[in-house]
Amino acid sequence: MENDNNNLNRNTPQPDAENPTPNTSGEPTSAQQPAGQGNAPYTPPQGANSGFYGNPHYTAPNPNGAPAQPPYPGAAPNGNPNYVWYAAPQKKQVDPEKSKHKKRGVKIFAAVVAVVVVLAIVGTVVALVRGNSAPKAEGSKETVTAEIHESPTASSTSADGELTAKGVYEKIKESSVGVLVYQSSAFSNEALASEGSGVIVGEDSTGTYTYIVTCAHVISDGQTVKVQLYDETQYDATIVGYDSKTDIGVLSIRATGLTPAEFGDSDSLSVGETVYAIGNPGGVAFAGSFTNGMVSAISRPVDSEIGYEMLCIQHTAAINPGNSGGALVNAYGQVVGINSSKIASTEYEGMGFAVPSVTVKEVFDEIVANGYVTNRPKLGINYFPASSNQLYSMLVGANDLPDGTVVIQSINSDSALASEDVKAGDMIIRANGEDLTTSDTLPDIIENSNVGDSITLTICRVDPSDNYSIRTFDVTVQLVEDRGNAAASEPTSQSYYNPFGAYGYGN
């Protein structure tokens, strides 16, 4: 927020005994400055009812204040209310030569006074013409009122055919919805657990239902879901399906005649393009919040919590908790992404991520048709790179293991590894005989395979009872179908194993 301009209170220059002419240099002798400006940082008031966060108000010097009272009778020179009177200095004996110079100085001073008188008269006339007359008598009322002029109507389209921010908002606002997720609790049969955003896609072939796309993590834990439209009407929603790998979920409501969003091609985006985000940061209390930013990166790899890596659009449009599932829109009002996540830290700002629209379309079509994304293989584990853990990283380096070694964090109930002698805390160092040179090697091998294909993994296990020696062995398992839902990815009861825990190195 920009600071208000300083109002300077310049002190009137004061004459001295030898030279009664006021200081006309125009240089200020002191200044009054509002709090919060200058080098000292301004701390805004705190609290929900603190009001406008800006500089505190302060009273500027009154230019029409009462004149200073002279120490002896007589009016202020030229009616100047800010002139400061002083007693006349005592006369001194001077020689004739100095007296001549002094008389010449008196003539010059008289000429200056005459000019000042003329300027004062002209200034008074101008002030009267402008209505800036002397202060009114006590009891009189001001007749000046503030006027509000009609503002020009903002355009919805720019000269080059793109929509203005206003035009983009007008196009997308009715296609943006709120998603309210309820769960049963000990105190209530149904309590609001979380809130997110969504985008209207269109109706089903029978014209009975309307489909809405949102994020998988918004609805995956919900027992009851409601959708709130632009006009605040709420509908019970059905979870059609969701895909945890891409964080895309689909809802349906029994309503028709709604405004579907227009989807654009995210592959045509370029870094630097203007984009807009719309959604419900903080919930439906802030429904339809609209922000703008730019594309920061294309196909930015983002690691998910389930061990997958998503390629996302990185952008600077402000998003907050509650924006998940909301639209990322281009300058033509087309949805080019679904906002999924952001880096939430005091050390980061303006790093939001959206699932590209081309990915959204593929996953949406699969979920509507089948309830999940078909023929997608998975190993069925959650894992993290060994390089992201200081102690595992040291272990990899000490034993000359591949740089892309991953640590198994949990094994899902539908994974073929659940029936093998493999457990959380084990490391995977090779797949099909290929060293995991980077943390992307394993997911790349799985993605290029099919459901039912066999894959051979080389497992490395640490034995803390034997001076942290390591043992390697191979297991061959089949890849299972990744349905991207919570039931299929639920981990087994075995907890994460930390080989360093016995000696107090972490939990």
Protein backbone atom coordinates (compact mmCIF):
# COMPACT_ATOMS: atom_id res chain seq x y z
CA MET A 1 0.00 0.00 0.00
CA GLU A 2 1.36 3.36 -0.89
CA ASN A 3 1.96 5.88 1.89
CA ASP A 4 0.06 9.11 2.03
CA ASN A 5 2.00 12.22 0.95
CA ASN A 6 3.68 14.11 3.78
CA ASN A 7 2.15 17.41 4.83
CA LEU A 8 5.04 19.67 5.79
CA ASN A 9 4.58 22.27 8.51
CA ARG A 10 7.14 24.94 7.63
CA ASN A 11 7.90 27.37 10.48
CA THR A 12 7.62 31.04 9.64
CA PRO A 13 11.11 32.59 9.26
CA GLN A 14 11.97 34.90 12.12
CA PRO A 15 13.87 38.21 11.81
CA ASP A 16 16.80 39.03 14.03
CA ALA A 17 17.67 42.24 15.74
CA GLU A 18 20.00 43.58 13.06
CA ASN A 19 18.02 42.42 10.02
CA PRO A 20 14.23 42.39 10.55
CA THR A 21 13.62 40.99 7.04
CA PRO A 22 12.07 37.47 7.29
CA ASN A 23 13.90 34.49 5.84
CA THR A 24 12.67 34.10 2.23
CA SER A 25 14.88 31.17 1.27
CA GLY A 26 11.92 28.76 1.28
CA GLU A 27 13.93 26.09 3.12
CA PRO A 28 11.89 24.29 5.79
CA THR A 29 13.05 24.60 9.39
CA SER A 30 10.99 21.70 10.68
CA ALA A 31 8.54 19.10 9.37
CA GLN A 32 5.69 17.07 10.70
CA GLN A 33 5.67 13.50 9.34
CA PRO A 34 2.94 10.90 9.83
CA ALA A 35 3.70 7.71 11.74
CA GLY A 36 4.70 4.75 9.68
CA GLN A 37 6.78 6.74 7.13
CA GLY A 38 10.49 7.41 6.91
CA ASN A 39 13.03 4.79 7.88
CA ALA A 40 11.04 3.34 10.80
CA PRO A 41 8.74 0.49 9.70
CA TYR A 42 5.02 0.97 10.19
CA THR A 43 3.15 -1.69 12.13
CA PRO A 44 -0.53 -1.87 11.18
CA PRO A 45 -3.18 -2.35 13.88
CA GLN A 46 -4.02 -5.96 14.66
CA GLY A 47 -7.35 -7.73 14.96
CA ALA A 48 -10.38 -8.48 12.86
CA ASN A 49 -11.96 -5.09 13.54
CA SER A 50 -8.86 -2.98 13.12
CA GLY A 51 -10.19 -1.33 9.94
CA PHE A 52 -8.14 0.17 7.17
CA TYR A 53 -4.46 -0.78 7.25
CA GLY A 54 -2.75 2.47 6.34
CA ASN A 55 -0.99 5.44 7.85
CA PRO A 56 -2.73 6.94 10.92
CA HIS A 57 -4.55 10.17 10.32
CA TYR A 58 -2.86 13.35 11.49
CA THR A 59 -3.87 17.00 11.53
CA ALA A 60 -2.09 19.25 9.06
CA PRO A 61 -1.14 22.79 10.14
CA ASN A 62 -4.02 25.25 9.80
CA PRO A 63 -3.05 27.91 7.20
CA ASN A 64 -5.90 30.15 8.37
CA GLY A 65 -5.14 30.02 12.09
CA ALA A 66 -5.46 33.03 14.35
CA PRO A 67 -2.61 35.56 14.07
CA ALA A 68 -0.01 35.78 16.79
CA GLN A 69 -0.62 38.57 19.23
CA PRO A 70 1.92 41.42 19.00
CA PRO A 71 3.60 42.51 22.21
CA TYR A 72 2.43 46.08 21.57
CA PRO A 73 -0.65 47.61 19.94
CA GLY A 74 -1.01 47.48 16.17
CA ALA A 75 -2.28 45.15 13.47
CA ALA A 76 -0.16 42.41 11.92
CA PRO A 77 1.70 43.72 8.85
CA ASN A 78 -0.33 43.36 5.66
CA GLY A 79 -2.85 41.20 7.48
CA ASN A 80 -0.44 38.27 7.41
CA PRO A 81 -1.75 35.93 10.15
CA ASN A 82 1.44 33.92 10.34
CA TYR A 83 3.78 36.88 10.93
CA VAL A 84 5.57 36.79 14.29
CA TRP A 85 5.96 40.12 15.99
CA TYR A 86 9.09 41.22 17.87
CA ALA A 87 9.86 44.28 19.96
CA ALA A 88 11.76 47.04 18.15
CA PRO A 89 15.50 46.98 18.84
CA GLN A 90 17.09 49.82 20.85
CA LYS A 91 18.76 52.56 18.74
CA LYS A 92 22.54 52.72 18.66
CA GLN A 93 24.90 55.62 18.06
CA VAL A 94 26.47 55.36 14.63
CA ASP A 95 28.93 57.51 12.70
CA PRO A 96 27.74 59.55 9.65
CA GLU A 97 29.25 57.15 7.07
CA LYS A 98 27.39 54.17 8.53
CA SER A 99 24.26 56.32 8.70
CA LYS A 100 24.35 56.90 4.92
CA HIS A 101 24.56 53.20 4.26
CA LYS A 102 21.77 52.57 6.69
CA LYS A 103 19.50 55.13 4.99
CA ARG A 104 20.16 53.41 1.68
CA GLY A 105 19.21 50.12 3.33
CA VAL A 106 16.02 51.70 4.66
CA LYS A 107 15.04 52.77 1.12
CA ILE A 108 15.63 49.23 -0.17
CA PHE A 109 13.65 47.76 2.73
CA ALA A 110 10.80 50.20 2.02
CA ALA A 111 10.74 49.11 -1.62
CA VAL A 112 10.58 45.46 -0.57
CA VAL A 113 7.72 46.20 1.82
CA ALA A 114 5.85 47.99 -0.99
CA VAL A 115 6.18 44.96 -3.23
CA VAL A 116 4.99 42.70 -0.41
CA VAL A 117 1.96 44.94 0.11
CA VAL A 118 1.06 44.75 -3.58
CA LEU A 119 1.43 40.94 -3.62
CA ALA A 120 -0.65 40.64 -0.46
CA ILE A 121 -3.46 42.70 -2.03
CA VAL A 122 -3.39 40.65 -5.24
CA GLY A 123 -3.39 37.41 -3.20
CA THR A 124 -6.39 38.58 -1.19
CA VAL A 125 -8.36 39.42 -4.34
CA VAL A 126 -7.56 36.02 -5.87
CA ALA A 127 -8.58 34.25 -2.66
CA LEU A 128 -11.89 36.10 -2.60
CA VAL A 129 -12.55 35.20 -6.24
CA ARG A 130 -11.88 31.53 -5.47
CA GLY A 131 -14.11 31.61 -2.44
CA ASN A 132 -11.22 31.22 0.01
CA SER A 133 -12.34 34.03 2.25
CA ALA A 134 -11.49 34.73 5.86
CA PRO A 135 -12.83 32.35 8.55
CA LYS A 136 -16.56 32.63 9.04
CA ALA A 137 -18.14 33.93 12.20
CA GLU A 138 -19.06 31.45 14.89
CA GLY A 139 -22.35 29.68 14.21
CA SER A 140 -22.18 29.95 10.41
CA LYS A 141 -22.45 26.74 8.34
CA GLU A 142 -20.39 25.54 5.39
CA THR A 143 -22.33 25.05 2.16
CA VAL A 144 -19.62 23.10 0.26
CA THR A 145 -20.61 19.44 -0.39
CA ALA A 146 -18.76 16.46 -1.89
CA GLU A 147 -19.81 15.47 -5.38
CA ILE A 148 -19.81 11.95 -6.84
CA HIS A 149 -19.33 11.83 -10.59
CA GLU A 150 -20.37 8.94 -12.78
CA SER A 151 -17.44 6.63 -13.56
CA PRO A 152 -16.91 5.43 -17.13
CA THR A 153 -17.99 1.83 -17.74
CA ALA A 154 -15.02 -0.57 -17.84
CA SER A 155 -14.58 -2.42 -21.12
CA SER A 156 -14.78 -6.22 -21.22
CA THR A 157 -12.61 -6.58 -24.32
CA SER A 158 -9.20 -5.09 -25.09
CA ALA A 159 -8.11 -3.75 -28.48
CA ASP A 160 -6.34 -6.99 -29.47
CA GLY A 161 -9.40 -9.16 -28.88
CA GLU A 162 -8.39 -10.56 -25.49
CA LEU A 163 -10.73 -10.09 -22.57
CA THR A 164 -9.96 -7.57 -19.88
CA ALA A 165 -9.88 -8.77 -16.29
CA LYS A 166 -13.49 -7.66 -15.98
CA GLY A 167 -14.42 -9.62 -19.10
CA VAL A 168 -12.68 -12.76 -17.83
CA TYR A 169 -14.51 -12.56 -14.51
CA GLU A 170 -17.88 -12.04 -16.18
CA LYS A 171 -17.29 -15.12 -18.33
CA ILE A 172 -16.16 -17.51 -15.58
CA LYS A 173 -17.97 -16.34 -12.43
CA GLU A 174 -21.14 -18.44 -12.85
CA SER A 175 -19.12 -21.55 -13.75
CA SER A 176 -17.23 -21.44 -10.44
CA VAL A 177 -18.75 -23.34 -7.51
CA GLY A 178 -18.01 -24.11 -3.88
CA VAL A 179 -17.50 -27.66 -2.61
CA LEU A 180 -18.50 -28.40 1.00
CA VAL A 181 -17.38 -31.70 2.54
CA TYR A 182 -19.11 -33.11 5.63
CA GLN A 183 -18.08 -35.89 8.00
CA SER A 184 -19.67 -37.52 11.00
CA SER A 185 -18.18 -36.61 14.36
CA ALA A 186 -18.63 -37.47 18.02
CA PHE A 187 -20.66 -34.31 18.54
CA SER A 188 -22.75 -34.34 15.38
CA ASN A 189 -24.05 -36.76 12.78
CA GLU A 190 -22.79 -34.43 10.08
CA ALA A 191 -20.24 -31.63 10.50
CA LEU A 192 -18.52 -29.47 7.91
CA ALA A 193 -14.98 -30.86 7.63
CA SER A 194 -13.48 -28.90 4.73
CA GLU A 195 -14.29 -26.62 1.82
CA GLY A 196 -12.90 -26.29 -1.67
CA SER A 197 -13.76 -25.09 -5.15
CA GLY A 198 -14.97 -26.61 -8.40
CA VAL A 199 -15.78 -25.87 -12.03
CA ILE A 200 -18.95 -26.72 -13.95
CA VAL A 201 -18.08 -28.91 -16.97
CA GLY A 202 -21.46 -29.79 -18.49
CA GLU A 203 -24.51 -32.06 -18.43
CA ASP A 204 -24.76 -35.79 -18.96
CA SER A 205 -26.20 -37.26 -22.16
CA THR A 206 -29.68 -37.58 -20.66
CA GLY A 207 -29.83 -33.95 -19.52
CA THR A 208 -30.42 -35.03 -15.92
CA TYR A 209 -27.14 -34.33 -14.16
CA THR A 210 -24.43 -31.69 -14.28
CA TYR A 211 -20.79 -32.72 -13.86
CA ILE A 212 -18.31 -30.70 -11.80
CA VAL A 213 -14.55 -31.13 -11.71
CA THR A 214 -12.58 -30.47 -8.52
CA CYS A 215 -9.48 -31.85 -6.76
CA ALA A 216 -9.26 -35.42 -5.50
CA HIS A 217 -7.84 -34.32 -2.14
CA VAL A 218 -10.89 -32.09 -1.57
CA ILE A 219 -13.44 -34.92 -1.75
CA SER A 220 -11.46 -38.11 -1.02
CA ASP A 221 -12.25 -38.11 2.72
CA GLY A 222 -15.82 -36.86 2.45
CA GLN A 223 -18.89 -38.81 3.55
CA THR A 224 -21.34 -36.18 2.31
CA VAL A 225 -20.57 -33.52 -0.29
CA LYS A 226 -22.60 -30.45 -1.27
CA VAL A 227 -22.08 -28.00 -4.11
CA GLN A 228 -22.87 -24.30 -3.79
CA LEU A 229 -23.57 -22.39 -7.00
CA TYR A 230 -22.89 -18.76 -7.89
CA ASP A 231 -26.34 -17.72 -6.57
CA GLU A 232 -25.63 -19.56 -3.26
CA THR A 233 -28.06 -22.38 -4.07
CA GLN A 234 -26.80 -25.69 -2.66
CA TYR A 235 -27.22 -29.20 -4.07
CA ASP A 236 -26.34 -32.63 -2.71
CA ALA A 237 -23.48 -34.04 -4.78
CA THR A 238 -22.46 -37.56 -5.74
CA ILE A 239 -18.78 -38.53 -5.98
CA VAL A 240 -18.42 -40.00 -9.45
CA GLY A 241 -14.75 -40.82 -8.83
CA TYR A 242 -11.34 -39.33 -8.24
CA ASP A 243 -7.75 -39.93 -9.28
CA SER A 244 -5.13 -39.39 -6.59
CA LYS A 245 -2.25 -39.48 -9.06
CA THR A 246 -3.40 -36.35 -10.91
CA ASP A 247 -5.44 -34.94 -7.98
CA ILE A 248 -8.58 -34.71 -10.13
CA GLY A 249 -12.06 -35.59 -8.86
CA VAL A 250 -15.51 -35.50 -10.46
CA LEU A 251 -18.89 -34.75 -8.83
CA SER A 252 -22.42 -34.76 -10.20
CA ILE A 253 -25.52 -32.86 -9.05
CA ARG A 254 -29.12 -33.29 -10.10
CA ALA A 255 -29.52 -29.92 -11.80
CA THR A 256 -29.49 -28.62 -15.36
CA GLY A 257 -29.40 -25.31 -17.18
CA LEU A 258 -26.21 -24.18 -15.46
CA THR A 259 -23.35 -22.29 -17.10
CA PRO A 260 -20.47 -24.61 -18.11
CA ALA A 261 -16.92 -23.30 -18.33
CA GLU A 262 -15.04 -23.18 -21.60
CA PHE A 263 -11.82 -25.20 -21.47
CA GLY A 264 -8.71 -24.08 -23.35
CA ASP A 265 -5.54 -25.85 -24.47
CA SER A 266 -2.92 -25.74 -21.72
CA ASP A 267 -0.26 -26.95 -24.18
CA SER A 268 -0.46 -23.57 -25.93
CA LEU A 269 0.43 -21.60 -22.78
CA SER A 270 3.69 -19.66 -22.63
CA VAL A 271 5.69 -18.36 -19.69
CA GLY A 272 4.72 -14.75 -19.02
CA GLU A 273 1.08 -15.07 -20.09
CA THR A 274 -1.50 -13.49 -17.80
CA VAL A 275 -3.68 -15.98 -15.94
CA TYR A 276 -6.49 -15.62 -13.41
CA ALA A 277 -7.59 -17.78 -10.49
CA ILE A 278 -11.15 -17.96 -9.21
CA GLY A 279 -12.39 -19.93 -6.23
CA ASN A 280 -13.22 -19.85 -2.54
CA PRO A 281 -10.12 -19.10 -0.44
CA GLY A 282 -11.09 -19.84 3.14
CA GLY A 283 -14.39 -21.37 2.05
CA VAL A 284 -17.67 -20.17 0.55
CA ALA A 285 -17.63 -17.11 2.82
CA PHE A 286 -15.21 -15.73 0.20
CA ALA A 287 -16.88 -17.37 -2.80
CA GLY A 288 -15.86 -16.20 -6.25
CA SER A 289 -12.62 -14.49 -5.16
CA PHE A 290 -10.74 -13.44 -8.30
CA THR A 291 -6.98 -12.88 -8.58
CA ASN A 292 -4.46 -12.53 -11.37
CA GLY A 293 -0.84 -13.39 -12.06
CA MET A 294 1.32 -14.90 -14.76
CA VAL A 295 2.56 -18.28 -15.90
CA SER A 296 5.91 -18.89 -14.20
CA ALA A 297 6.77 -22.29 -15.66
CA ILE A 298 5.30 -24.99 -17.89
CA SER A 299 5.32 -28.72 -17.00
CA ARG A 300 6.85 -28.13 -13.58
CA PRO A 301 7.36 -31.50 -11.82
CA VAL A 302 5.71 -31.55 -8.41
CA ASP A 303 6.01 -34.53 -6.07
CA SER A 304 2.71 -35.69 -4.60
CA GLU A 305 2.16 -37.21 -1.17
CA ILE A 306 1.49 -40.65 -2.69
CA GLY A 307 4.86 -41.00 -4.39
CA TYR A 308 3.84 -39.77 -7.84
CA GLU A 309 5.23 -36.84 -9.72
CA MET A 310 2.75 -34.52 -11.46
CA LEU A 311 3.60 -32.06 -14.21
CA CYS A 312 1.88 -28.80 -13.31
CA ILE A 313 1.53 -25.19 -14.42
CA GLN A 314 3.41 -22.94 -12.01
CA HIS A 315 1.85 -19.48 -11.69
CA THR A 316 1.74 -16.39 -9.45
CA ALA A 317 -2.04 -15.83 -9.16
CA ALA A 318 -2.85 -15.74 -5.44
CA ILE A 319 -4.43 -18.99 -4.20
CA ASN A 320 -5.08 -20.14 -0.65
CA PRO A 321 -6.62 -23.12 1.15
CA GLY A 322 -10.10 -23.40 -0.35
CA ASN A 323 -8.93 -22.57 -3.88
CA SER A 324 -8.17 -26.24 -4.53
CA GLY A 325 -10.34 -27.45 -7.39
CA GLY A 326 -10.91 -23.94 -8.72
CA ALA A 327 -10.17 -22.72 -12.22
CA LEU A 328 -6.97 -21.23 -13.61
CA VAL A 329 -8.14 -19.11 -16.54
CA ASN A 330 -6.34 -17.53 -19.51
CA ALA A 331 -6.96 -14.10 -21.05
CA TYR A 332 -9.81 -15.48 -23.16
CA GLY A 333 -11.76 -16.72 -20.15
CA GLN A 334 -10.89 -20.36 -20.88
CA VAL A 335 -10.00 -22.82 -18.12
CA VAL A 336 -6.40 -23.93 -18.71
CA GLY A 337 -5.83 -25.62 -15.35
CA ILE A 338 -7.33 -26.74 -12.04
CA ASN A 339 -5.56 -25.22 -9.04
CA SER A 340 -4.19 -28.03 -6.91
CA SER A 341 -1.48 -26.85 -4.53
CA LYS A 342 0.92 -24.12 -3.49
CA ILE A 343 4.13 -23.89 -1.51
CA ALA A 344 2.90 -22.66 1.86
CA SER A 345 5.81 -21.17 3.76
CA THR A 346 6.88 -17.77 5.03
CA GLU A 347 9.98 -18.19 2.88
CA TYR A 348 7.99 -18.56 -0.35
CA GLU A 349 5.39 -16.41 -2.06
CA GLY A 350 3.55 -16.62 -5.36
CA MET A 351 4.26 -20.29 -6.14
CA GLY A 352 0.95 -21.93 -7.03
CA PHE A 353 0.47 -25.07 -9.12
CA ALA A 354 -2.40 -26.15 -11.37
CA VAL A 355 -3.13 -29.43 -13.15
CA PRO A 356 -3.03 -28.67 -16.92
CA SER A 357 -6.37 -28.73 -18.74
CA VAL A 358 -5.22 -31.44 -21.18
CA THR A 359 -4.60 -33.74 -18.21
CA VAL A 360 -7.90 -32.71 -16.62
CA LYS A 361 -9.83 -33.65 -19.79
CA GLU A 362 -8.21 -37.09 -20.07
CA VAL A 363 -8.85 -37.95 -16.43
CA PHE A 364 -12.37 -36.44 -16.43
CA ASP A 365 -13.42 -38.51 -19.45
CA GLU A 366 -12.06 -41.72 -17.89
CA ILE A 367 -13.76 -41.10 -14.53
CA VAL A 368 -17.13 -40.28 -16.10
CA ALA A 369 -16.95 -43.38 -18.29
CA ASN A 370 -15.45 -45.88 -15.81
CA GLY A 371 -15.29 -44.30 -12.35
CA TYR A 372 -11.49 -44.29 -12.48
CA VAL A 373 -8.57 -44.07 -14.93
CA THR A 374 -8.25 -47.46 -16.58
CA ASN A 375 -5.13 -49.46 -17.49
CA ARG A 376 -2.77 -47.41 -15.38
CA PRO A 377 -0.10 -49.59 -13.71
CA LYS A 378 1.30 -49.03 -10.27
CA LEU A 379 3.65 -50.75 -7.86
CA GLY A 380 1.43 -49.90 -4.90
CA ILE A 381 3.87 -48.26 -2.50
CA ASN A 382 4.53 -44.85 -1.05
CA TYR A 383 8.17 -43.85 -1.06
CA PHE A 384 10.61 -40.94 -0.86
CA PRO A 385 14.08 -40.33 -2.37
CA ALA A 386 16.91 -41.41 -0.08
CA SER A 387 18.66 -38.14 -0.95
CA SER A 388 15.91 -36.19 0.85
CA ASN A 389 16.85 -37.75 4.20
CA GLN A 390 20.22 -36.86 5.67
CA LEU A 391 20.86 -40.21 7.35
CA TYR A 392 19.72 -42.33 4.39
CA SER A 393 21.76 -40.11 2.11
CA MET A 394 24.86 -40.84 4.21
CA LEU A 395 24.08 -44.56 4.04
CA VAL A 396 23.76 -44.44 0.24
CA GLY A 397 27.08 -42.63 -0.07
CA ALA A 398 28.92 -44.92 2.34
CA ASN A 399 27.81 -48.06 0.46
CA ASP A 400 28.16 -46.66 -3.07
CA LEU A 401 24.45 -47.14 -3.83
CA PRO A 402 22.78 -45.47 -6.86
CA ASP A 403 21.94 -41.78 -6.46
CA GLY A 404 18.26 -42.38 -7.30
CA THR A 405 17.74 -44.93 -4.51
CA VAL A 406 14.26 -44.66 -2.95
CA VAL A 407 13.04 -45.61 0.53
CA ILE A 408 9.77 -47.51 0.94
CA GLN A 409 7.59 -45.54 3.34
CA SER A 410 4.50 -47.78 3.25
CA ILE A 411 3.07 -50.66 1.23
CA ASN A 412 -0.53 -50.48 0.00
CA SER A 413 -2.95 -53.34 0.64
CA ASP A 414 -3.46 -53.98 -3.08
CA SER A 415 0.26 -54.15 -3.90
CA ALA A 416 1.90 -57.45 -4.85
CA LEU A 417 4.73 -56.48 -2.49
CA ALA A 418 2.36 -56.91 0.48
CA SER A 419 2.83 -60.69 0.23
CA GLU A 420 6.62 -60.52 -0.23
CA ASP A 421 9.47 -60.26 2.27
CA VAL A 422 9.62 -56.51 1.83
CA LYS A 423 8.83 -53.92 4.50
CA ALA A 424 8.81 -50.21 5.13
CA GLY A 425 12.32 -48.85 5.56
CA ASP A 426 13.78 -51.05 2.83
CA MET A 427 15.44 -49.31 -0.10
CA ILE A 428 14.92 -50.00 -3.81
CA ILE A 429 18.18 -49.59 -5.73
CA ARG A 430 17.38 -51.26 -9.11
CA ALA A 431 14.36 -52.05 -11.30
CA ASN A 432 14.62 -54.71 -14.05
CA GLY A 433 18.40 -54.65 -13.56
CA GLU A 434 18.63 -50.89 -14.18
CA ASP A 435 20.23 -48.73 -11.47
CA LEU A 436 17.98 -45.98 -10.16
CA THR A 437 20.27 -43.18 -11.23
CA THR A 438 17.65 -40.53 -10.38
CA SER A 439 14.45 -40.55 -8.33
CA ASP A 440 12.51 -40.45 -11.64
CA THR A 441 13.91 -43.75 -12.91
CA LEU A 442 11.45 -46.01 -11.04
CA PRO A 443 8.23 -44.09 -11.91
CA ASP A 444 9.35 -43.86 -15.55
CA ILE A 445 9.79 -47.65 -15.74
CA ILE A 446 6.36 -48.22 -14.19
CA GLU A 447 4.62 -45.67 -16.42
CA ASN A 448 6.03 -47.31 -19.55
CA SER A 449 4.68 -50.70 -18.46
CA ASN A 450 1.18 -52.20 -18.53
CA VAL A 451 -1.10 -53.57 -15.85
CA GLY A 452 -0.09 -57.17 -15.17
CA ASP A 453 3.52 -56.77 -16.34
CA SER A 454 6.18 -58.25 -14.06
CA ILE A 455 8.92 -56.09 -12.65
CA THR A 456 12.04 -57.21 -10.78
CA LEU A 457 13.18 -54.99 -7.92
CA THR A 458 16.53 -55.11 -6.13
CA ILE A 459 15.90 -54.45 -2.44
CA CYS A 460 18.54 -53.19 0.00
CA ARG A 461 17.89 -53.75 3.72
CA VAL A 462 19.84 -52.18 6.58
CA ASP A 463 20.62 -54.30 9.65
CA PRO A 464 21.23 -51.99 12.65
CA SER A 465 22.08 -54.97 14.89
CA ASP A 466 25.08 -55.79 12.70
CA ASN A 467 26.80 -52.40 12.62
CA TYR A 468 24.32 -51.16 9.98
CA SER A 469 25.41 -53.69 7.41
CA ILE A 470 23.31 -53.99 4.27
CA ARG A 471 21.81 -56.99 2.50
CA THR A 472 20.46 -56.99 -1.05
CA PHE A 473 17.98 -59.39 -2.67
CA ASP A 474 15.62 -59.43 -5.67
CA VAL A 475 11.85 -59.78 -5.74
CA THR A 476 9.65 -60.10 -8.83
CA VAL A 477 6.11 -58.76 -8.62
CA GLN A 478 3.27 -57.88 -10.96
CA LEU A 479 2.10 -54.34 -11.48
CA VAL A 480 -1.52 -53.76 -10.41
CA GLU A 481 -4.13 -51.39 -11.80
CA ASP A 482 -4.06 -47.93 -10.28
CA ARG A 483 -7.64 -46.88 -9.71
CA GLY A 484 -6.55 -43.74 -7.91
CA ASN A 485 -8.99 -44.07 -5.01
CA ALA A 486 -8.49 -44.13 -1.27
CA ALA A 487 -9.37 -47.81 -0.76
CA ALA A 488 -6.79 -49.05 -3.25
CA SER A 489 -4.00 -46.88 -1.87
CA GLU A 490 -4.65 -47.55 1.82
CA PRO A 491 -1.39 -48.66 3.48
CA THR A 492 -1.06 -51.85 5.47
CA SER A 493 -0.80 -51.83 9.25
CA GLN A 494 3.00 -51.96 9.25
CA SER A 495 4.53 -48.64 10.18
CA TYR A 496 7.51 -46.88 8.71
CA TYR A 497 10.74 -48.49 9.82
CA ASN A 498 13.65 -46.25 10.79
CA PRO A 499 16.91 -48.23 11.00
CA PHE A 500 18.52 -45.37 12.92
CA GLY A 501 15.86 -45.13 15.63
CA ALA A 502 17.59 -47.52 18.00
CA TYR A 503 20.42 -45.05 18.44
CA GLY A 504 18.25 -41.96 18.75
CA TYR A 505 18.76 -40.62 15.24
CA GLY A 506 15.21 -39.45 14.57
CA ASN A 507 11.80 -41.05 14.95
